[in-house]
Amino acid sequence: MEIRLAKKLYTINLVVFVITISLMITIYLGFLIEILLGFIQVLSSFCLLFVWKRIGKENQRKIFIYWKMVIVYFILWFLFDWKFLNDWIIYLVGIGLIPLCIAWYFISILKSINKGKNDG
């Protein structure tokens, strides 16, 4: 059960990530699909709670780090005053680069779970 769930989550997340990267050429469409990617990844991270005891301590720790990064990102995004930065810097880094880095980190966690790197 958990192997199939992890493989499906990995495949879905990887496909949407690749589509997002591909659409970043158009910038606008890339930013729009990035919202979908973020929603899918957060939902996927909560789906991992169903197999929590079987994914290993190291991957559990990485998922906690992922959740912390997402929470900090949203807190900073909504509570921080970004007016001192150029709009393009906000768009490229705050909306583009940082979420993609967080997404890549989550995909690497899913890949680790699929490879069976469960050390606990």
Protein backbone atom coordinates (compact mmCIF):
# COMPACT_ATOMS: atom_id res chain seq x y z
CA MET A 1 0.00 0.00 0.00
CA GLU A 2 2.56 2.57 1.06
CA ILE A 3 4.85 1.74 -1.84
CA ARG A 4 2.07 2.34 -4.36
CA LEU A 5 0.99 5.56 -2.63
CA ALA A 6 4.55 6.90 -2.53
CA LYS A 7 5.15 5.99 -6.18
CA LYS A 8 1.92 7.67 -7.29
CA LEU A 9 2.69 10.79 -5.25
CA TYR A 10 6.22 10.91 -6.66
CA THR A 11 5.02 10.52 -10.25
CA ILE A 12 2.28 13.15 -9.92
CA ASN A 13 4.59 15.64 -8.22
CA LEU A 14 7.42 15.08 -10.70
CA VAL A 15 5.14 15.48 -13.74
CA VAL A 16 3.60 18.71 -12.41
CA PHE A 17 7.08 19.98 -11.46
CA VAL A 18 8.43 19.34 -14.98
CA ILE A 19 5.37 21.01 -16.51
CA THR A 20 5.89 23.99 -14.19
CA ILE A 21 9.55 24.31 -15.15
CA SER A 22 8.61 24.03 -18.83
CA LEU A 23 5.95 26.72 -18.54
CA MET A 24 8.34 29.09 -16.77
CA ILE A 25 9.43 30.09 -20.27
CA THR A 26 6.16 32.01 -20.51
CA ILE A 27 6.58 33.26 -16.91
CA TYR A 28 2.85 33.95 -16.42
CA LEU A 29 1.72 30.37 -17.08
CA GLY A 30 4.62 29.10 -15.01
CA PHE A 31 3.54 31.18 -12.03
CA LEU A 32 -0.06 29.98 -12.41
CA ILE A 33 0.84 26.29 -12.57
CA GLU A 34 3.20 26.83 -9.65
CA ILE A 35 0.14 27.48 -7.49
CA LEU A 36 -1.23 24.09 -8.56
CA LEU A 37 2.16 22.48 -7.84
CA GLY A 38 2.20 23.94 -4.34
CA PHE A 39 -1.32 22.74 -3.63
CA ILE A 40 -0.52 19.23 -4.90
CA GLN A 41 2.66 19.06 -2.84
CA VAL A 42 1.07 20.19 0.41
CA LEU A 43 -1.79 17.76 -0.16
CA SER A 44 0.74 15.00 -0.95
CA SER A 45 2.66 15.71 2.23
CA PHE A 46 -0.53 15.24 4.23
CA CYS A 47 -1.26 11.99 2.34
CA LEU A 48 2.05 10.69 3.67
CA LEU A 49 0.50 10.79 7.14
CA PHE A 50 -1.40 7.63 6.18
CA VAL A 51 1.89 5.73 5.92
CA TRP A 52 3.82 7.78 8.47
CA LYS A 53 5.11 4.84 10.54
CA ARG A 54 6.46 3.07 7.48
CA ILE A 55 8.49 5.82 5.85
CA GLY A 56 11.44 5.91 8.24
CA LYS A 57 12.75 8.38 10.79
CA GLU A 58 15.05 10.23 8.40
CA ASN A 59 12.28 10.84 5.86
CA GLN A 60 9.91 11.83 8.67
CA ARG A 61 12.47 14.42 9.77
CA LYS A 62 12.76 15.70 6.20
CA ILE A 63 8.99 16.01 5.90
CA PHE A 64 8.93 18.06 9.13
CA ILE A 65 11.59 20.31 7.60
CA TYR A 66 9.46 20.61 4.45
CA TRP A 67 6.40 21.62 6.49
CA LYS A 68 8.48 24.18 8.39
CA MET A 69 9.77 25.67 5.11
CA VAL A 70 6.24 25.96 3.73
CA ILE A 71 4.94 27.59 6.92
CA VAL A 72 7.85 30.03 7.09
CA TYR A 73 7.41 30.87 3.39
CA PHE A 74 3.74 31.72 3.87
CA ILE A 75 4.35 33.64 7.07
CA LEU A 76 7.04 35.73 5.40
CA TRP A 77 4.95 36.18 2.28
CA PHE A 78 1.89 37.51 4.07
CA LEU A 79 3.42 39.31 7.05
CA PHE A 80 6.62 40.79 5.63
CA ASP A 81 6.70 44.21 3.96
CA TRP A 82 8.26 43.60 0.53
CA LYS A 83 7.91 47.18 -0.75
CA PHE A 84 11.62 47.92 -0.50
CA LEU A 85 12.35 45.37 -3.24
CA ASN A 86 11.96 45.78 -6.97
CA ASP A 87 8.78 44.08 -8.29
CA TRP A 88 10.77 41.81 -10.60
CA ILE A 89 12.93 40.57 -7.75
CA ILE A 90 9.80 39.69 -5.79
CA TYR A 91 8.32 37.87 -8.77
CA LEU A 92 11.42 35.94 -9.75
CA VAL A 93 12.69 35.04 -6.30
CA GLY A 94 9.66 35.17 -4.03
CA ILE A 95 7.13 33.67 -6.41
CA GLY A 96 9.39 31.74 -8.76
CA LEU A 97 12.64 30.49 -7.32
CA ILE A 98 11.89 29.87 -3.64
CA PRO A 99 8.73 27.78 -4.21
CA LEU A 100 10.50 25.76 -6.90
CA CYS A 101 13.36 25.02 -4.51
CA ILE A 102 10.89 23.91 -1.83
CA ALA A 103 9.11 21.78 -4.45
CA TRP A 104 12.37 20.15 -5.53
CA TYR A 105 13.17 19.34 -1.89
CA PHE A 106 9.80 17.61 -1.48
CA ILE A 107 10.30 15.63 -4.69
CA SER A 108 13.68 14.47 -3.38
CA ILE A 109 11.93 13.28 -0.19
CA LEU A 110 9.42 11.31 -2.25
CA LYS A 111 12.24 9.83 -4.30
CA SER A 112 14.02 8.80 -1.11
CA ILE A 113 10.87 7.13 0.18
CA ASN A 114 10.46 5.27 -3.11
CA LYS A 115 14.04 4.02 -3.07
CA GLY A 116 13.44 2.57 0.37
CA LYS A 117 15.87 4.78 2.25
CA ASN A 118 13.93 4.26 5.44
CA ASP A 119 16.42 4.03 8.24
CA GLY A 120 14.11 3.51 11.13
